[in-house]
Amino acid sequence: MYGKIYIMKLVIKGETYIISERKNPGDKPKLFMLKLTGKARQYVSSLFPTDKQNQYRFDYQGKYYLLDIDQAIIRPFNPVL
């Protein structure tokens, strides 16, 4: 699994996601998300912490989202630029 540490699996609207932790993040965020399709894993994005516990922002295919781990939801997010 990309040589990383598995944290948790989330099922959101029938899609399965894996949250993993980088062993040596360097300049990258510590957590990232993969989408599980069968046995294949597709990298989605790094997870950037917000000011709320267990809530992260990420971008995927040019769009921005918020992931709430406690509620197991992903919703669109409009960043203030």
N, C-alpha and C. Protein backbone atom coordinates (compact mmCIF):
# COMPACT_ATOMS: atom_id res chain seq x y z
N MET A 1 0.82 -1.18 0.00
CA MET A 1 0.00 0.00 0.00
C MET A 1 0.87 1.25 0.00
N TYR A 2 1.61 1.44 -1.05
CA TYR A 2 2.46 2.61 -1.23
C TYR A 2 3.49 2.74 -0.11
N GLY A 3 3.77 1.67 0.65
CA GLY A 3 4.73 1.73 1.73
C GLY A 3 4.32 2.67 2.84
N LYS A 4 3.04 2.84 3.05
CA LYS A 4 2.54 3.78 4.03
C LYS A 4 1.78 3.06 5.15
N ILE A 5 1.32 3.81 6.12
CA ILE A 5 0.62 3.25 7.27
C ILE A 5 -0.88 3.39 7.07
N TYR A 6 -1.60 2.28 7.12
CA TYR A 6 -3.06 2.27 6.97
C TYR A 6 -3.69 2.80 8.24
N ILE A 7 -4.63 3.75 8.11
CA ILE A 7 -5.29 4.35 9.26
C ILE A 7 -6.72 3.85 9.40
N MET A 8 -7.54 4.04 8.34
CA MET A 8 -8.94 3.64 8.42
C MET A 8 -9.54 3.49 7.03
N LYS A 9 -10.68 2.82 6.99
CA LYS A 9 -11.44 2.66 5.77
C LYS A 9 -12.80 3.32 5.98
N LEU A 10 -13.24 4.12 5.00
CA LEU A 10 -14.54 4.78 5.04
C LEU A 10 -15.35 4.38 3.82
N VAL A 11 -16.64 4.16 4.01
CA VAL A 11 -17.55 3.93 2.89
C VAL A 11 -18.49 5.12 2.84
N ILE A 12 -18.43 5.86 1.74
CA ILE A 12 -19.23 7.06 1.58
C ILE A 12 -19.98 6.96 0.26
N LYS A 13 -21.30 6.94 0.34
CA LYS A 13 -22.17 6.83 -0.84
C LYS A 13 -21.76 5.66 -1.73
N GLY A 14 -21.48 4.53 -1.12
CA GLY A 14 -21.15 3.32 -1.85
C GLY A 14 -19.72 3.23 -2.36
N GLU A 15 -18.93 4.27 -2.15
CA GLU A 15 -17.52 4.28 -2.56
C GLU A 15 -16.65 4.01 -1.33
N THR A 16 -15.60 3.23 -1.49
CA THR A 16 -14.72 2.89 -0.38
C THR A 16 -13.43 3.68 -0.49
N TYR A 17 -13.06 4.34 0.60
CA TYR A 17 -11.85 5.14 0.67
C TYR A 17 -10.97 4.64 1.80
N ILE A 18 -9.68 4.75 1.60
CA ILE A 18 -8.71 4.39 2.63
C ILE A 18 -7.94 5.65 3.01
N ILE A 19 -7.87 5.91 4.30
CA ILE A 19 -7.07 7.02 4.82
C ILE A 19 -5.77 6.41 5.31
N SER A 20 -4.66 6.93 4.81
CA SER A 20 -3.34 6.42 5.17
C SER A 20 -2.46 7.54 5.67
N GLU A 21 -1.41 7.16 6.37
CA GLU A 21 -0.46 8.12 6.92
C GLU A 21 0.90 7.89 6.29
N ARG A 22 1.52 8.96 5.84
CA ARG A 22 2.87 8.85 5.27
C ARG A 22 3.86 8.60 6.40
N LYS A 23 4.80 7.68 6.17
CA LYS A 23 5.81 7.40 7.19
C LYS A 23 6.76 8.59 7.35
N ASN A 24 7.16 9.18 6.24
CA ASN A 24 8.06 10.33 6.25
C ASN A 24 7.45 11.42 5.38
N PRO A 25 6.54 12.25 5.94
CA PRO A 25 5.81 13.20 5.11
C PRO A 25 6.65 14.33 4.52
N GLY A 26 7.77 14.68 5.15
CA GLY A 26 8.55 15.80 4.63
C GLY A 26 7.70 17.05 4.57
N ASP A 27 7.55 17.65 3.37
CA ASP A 27 6.75 18.86 3.19
C ASP A 27 5.28 18.57 2.90
N LYS A 28 4.92 17.31 2.74
CA LYS A 28 3.55 16.95 2.41
C LYS A 28 2.72 16.75 3.69
N PRO A 29 1.39 16.87 3.58
CA PRO A 29 0.54 16.57 4.74
C PRO A 29 0.72 15.12 5.19
N LYS A 30 0.54 14.89 6.45
CA LYS A 30 0.74 13.57 7.04
C LYS A 30 -0.24 12.53 6.49
N LEU A 31 -1.51 12.93 6.27
CA LEU A 31 -2.54 11.99 5.82
C LEU A 31 -2.86 12.17 4.34
N PHE A 32 -3.26 11.07 3.71
CA PHE A 32 -3.73 11.11 2.33
C PHE A 32 -4.83 10.09 2.14
N MET A 33 -5.56 10.21 1.03
CA MET A 33 -6.70 9.36 0.78
C MET A 33 -6.55 8.60 -0.54
N LEU A 34 -6.95 7.33 -0.49
CA LEU A 34 -6.99 6.46 -1.66
C LEU A 34 -8.41 6.00 -1.87
N LYS A 35 -8.79 5.79 -3.13
CA LYS A 35 -10.11 5.22 -3.45
C LYS A 35 -9.89 3.76 -3.80
N LEU A 36 -10.67 2.90 -3.19
CA LEU A 36 -10.55 1.47 -3.40
C LEU A 36 -11.59 1.02 -4.42
N THR A 37 -11.11 0.39 -5.50
CA THR A 37 -11.98 -0.16 -6.53
C THR A 37 -11.58 -1.61 -6.71
N GLY A 38 -12.38 -2.53 -6.15
CA GLY A 38 -11.97 -3.93 -6.13
C GLY A 38 -10.73 -4.05 -5.27
N LYS A 39 -9.65 -4.58 -5.84
CA LYS A 39 -8.38 -4.67 -5.11
C LYS A 39 -7.43 -3.54 -5.48
N ALA A 40 -7.81 -2.75 -6.48
CA ALA A 40 -6.97 -1.63 -6.92
C ALA A 40 -7.18 -0.42 -6.03
N ARG A 41 -6.10 0.34 -5.84
CA ARG A 41 -6.15 1.57 -5.05
C ARG A 41 -5.73 2.73 -5.93
N GLN A 42 -6.53 3.79 -5.93
CA GLN A 42 -6.23 4.98 -6.72
C GLN A 42 -6.00 6.14 -5.77
N TYR A 43 -4.86 6.82 -5.94
CA TYR A 43 -4.57 7.99 -5.12
C TYR A 43 -5.59 9.07 -5.42
N VAL A 44 -6.15 9.67 -4.37
CA VAL A 44 -7.12 10.75 -4.52
C VAL A 44 -6.44 12.08 -4.21
N SER A 45 -5.93 12.24 -2.98
CA SER A 45 -5.36 13.52 -2.60
C SER A 45 -4.71 13.45 -1.23
N SER A 46 -3.84 14.41 -0.97
CA SER A 46 -3.39 14.66 0.40
C SER A 46 -4.56 15.26 1.16
N LEU A 47 -4.59 15.05 2.47
CA LEU A 47 -5.65 15.60 3.33
C LEU A 47 -5.07 16.73 4.17
N PHE A 48 -5.62 17.93 3.98
CA PHE A 48 -5.14 19.10 4.68
C PHE A 48 -6.04 19.38 5.87
N PRO A 49 -5.48 19.46 7.09
CA PRO A 49 -6.31 19.68 8.27
C PRO A 49 -7.00 21.03 8.23
N THR A 50 -8.18 21.09 8.86
CA THR A 50 -8.92 22.34 9.02
C THR A 50 -8.89 22.70 10.50
N ASP A 51 -9.63 23.72 10.86
CA ASP A 51 -9.67 24.11 12.28
C ASP A 51 -10.61 23.23 13.10
N LYS A 52 -11.29 22.28 12.44
CA LYS A 52 -12.18 21.35 13.14
C LYS A 52 -11.53 19.97 13.21
N GLN A 53 -11.65 19.32 14.35
CA GLN A 53 -11.07 18.00 14.55
C GLN A 53 -11.71 16.98 13.59
N ASN A 54 -10.87 16.14 12.99
CA ASN A 54 -11.28 15.08 12.07
C ASN A 54 -12.00 15.59 10.82
N GLN A 55 -11.71 16.83 10.44
CA GLN A 55 -12.23 17.37 9.19
C GLN A 55 -11.05 17.85 8.35
N TYR A 56 -11.04 17.46 7.08
CA TYR A 56 -9.92 17.76 6.20
C TYR A 56 -10.43 18.30 4.88
N ARG A 57 -9.63 19.13 4.23
CA ARG A 57 -9.95 19.59 2.90
C ARG A 57 -9.01 18.90 1.92
N PHE A 58 -9.49 18.73 0.70
CA PHE A 58 -8.67 18.13 -0.35
C PHE A 58 -9.20 18.56 -1.70
N ASP A 59 -8.36 18.37 -2.73
CA ASP A 59 -8.82 18.65 -4.08
C ASP A 59 -8.70 17.36 -4.89
N TYR A 60 -9.65 17.20 -5.80
CA TYR A 60 -9.69 16.00 -6.65
C TYR A 60 -10.25 16.41 -8.00
N GLN A 61 -9.48 16.17 -9.04
CA GLN A 61 -9.86 16.48 -10.41
C GLN A 61 -10.29 17.94 -10.55
N GLY A 62 -9.52 18.84 -9.92
CA GLY A 62 -9.74 20.27 -10.05
C GLY A 62 -10.87 20.85 -9.20
N LYS A 63 -11.48 20.04 -8.36
CA LYS A 63 -12.55 20.52 -7.48
C LYS A 63 -12.13 20.35 -6.03
N TYR A 64 -12.68 21.21 -5.15
CA TYR A 64 -12.32 21.18 -3.74
C TYR A 64 -13.43 20.55 -2.91
N TYR A 65 -13.00 19.78 -1.88
CA TYR A 65 -13.94 19.05 -1.03
C TYR A 65 -13.51 19.13 0.42
N LEU A 66 -14.49 18.87 1.30
CA LEU A 66 -14.25 18.67 2.73
C LEU A 66 -14.60 17.24 3.07
N LEU A 67 -13.75 16.59 3.82
CA LEU A 67 -13.98 15.24 4.33
C LEU A 67 -14.19 15.34 5.83
N ASP A 68 -15.33 14.87 6.30
CA ASP A 68 -15.60 14.80 7.74
C ASP A 68 -15.54 13.32 8.11
N ILE A 69 -14.48 12.94 8.79
CA ILE A 69 -14.26 11.53 9.14
C ILE A 69 -15.30 11.05 10.13
N ASP A 70 -15.66 11.87 11.12
CA ASP A 70 -16.62 11.45 12.15
C ASP A 70 -17.99 11.15 11.56
N GLN A 71 -18.42 11.95 10.58
CA GLN A 71 -19.73 11.76 9.96
C GLN A 71 -19.67 10.94 8.68
N ALA A 72 -18.46 10.61 8.23
CA ALA A 72 -18.23 9.85 6.99
C ALA A 72 -18.95 10.50 5.81
N ILE A 73 -18.65 11.80 5.62
CA ILE A 73 -19.22 12.50 4.47
C ILE A 73 -18.15 13.29 3.73
N ILE A 74 -18.36 13.44 2.44
CA ILE A 74 -17.55 14.30 1.59
C ILE A 74 -18.53 15.30 0.98
N ARG A 75 -18.17 16.59 1.06
CA ARG A 75 -19.03 17.61 0.46
C ARG A 75 -18.18 18.62 -0.29
N PRO A 76 -18.76 19.27 -1.30
CA PRO A 76 -18.01 20.29 -2.04
C PRO A 76 -17.61 21.44 -1.13
N PHE A 77 -16.51 22.08 -1.48
CA PHE A 77 -15.95 23.15 -0.67
C PHE A 77 -15.47 24.25 -1.61
N ASN A 78 -15.82 25.49 -1.33
CA ASN A 78 -15.36 26.63 -2.10
C ASN A 78 -14.32 27.40 -1.30
N PRO A 79 -13.04 27.24 -1.64
CA PRO A 79 -12.01 27.92 -0.87
C PRO A 79 -12.03 29.43 -1.14
N VAL A 80 -11.66 30.19 -0.13
CA VAL A 80 -11.53 31.63 -0.28
C VAL A 80 -10.12 31.89 -0.75
N LEU A 81 -10.01 32.41 -1.95
CA LEU A 81 -8.67 32.66 -2.52
C LEU A 81 -8.29 34.10 -2.42
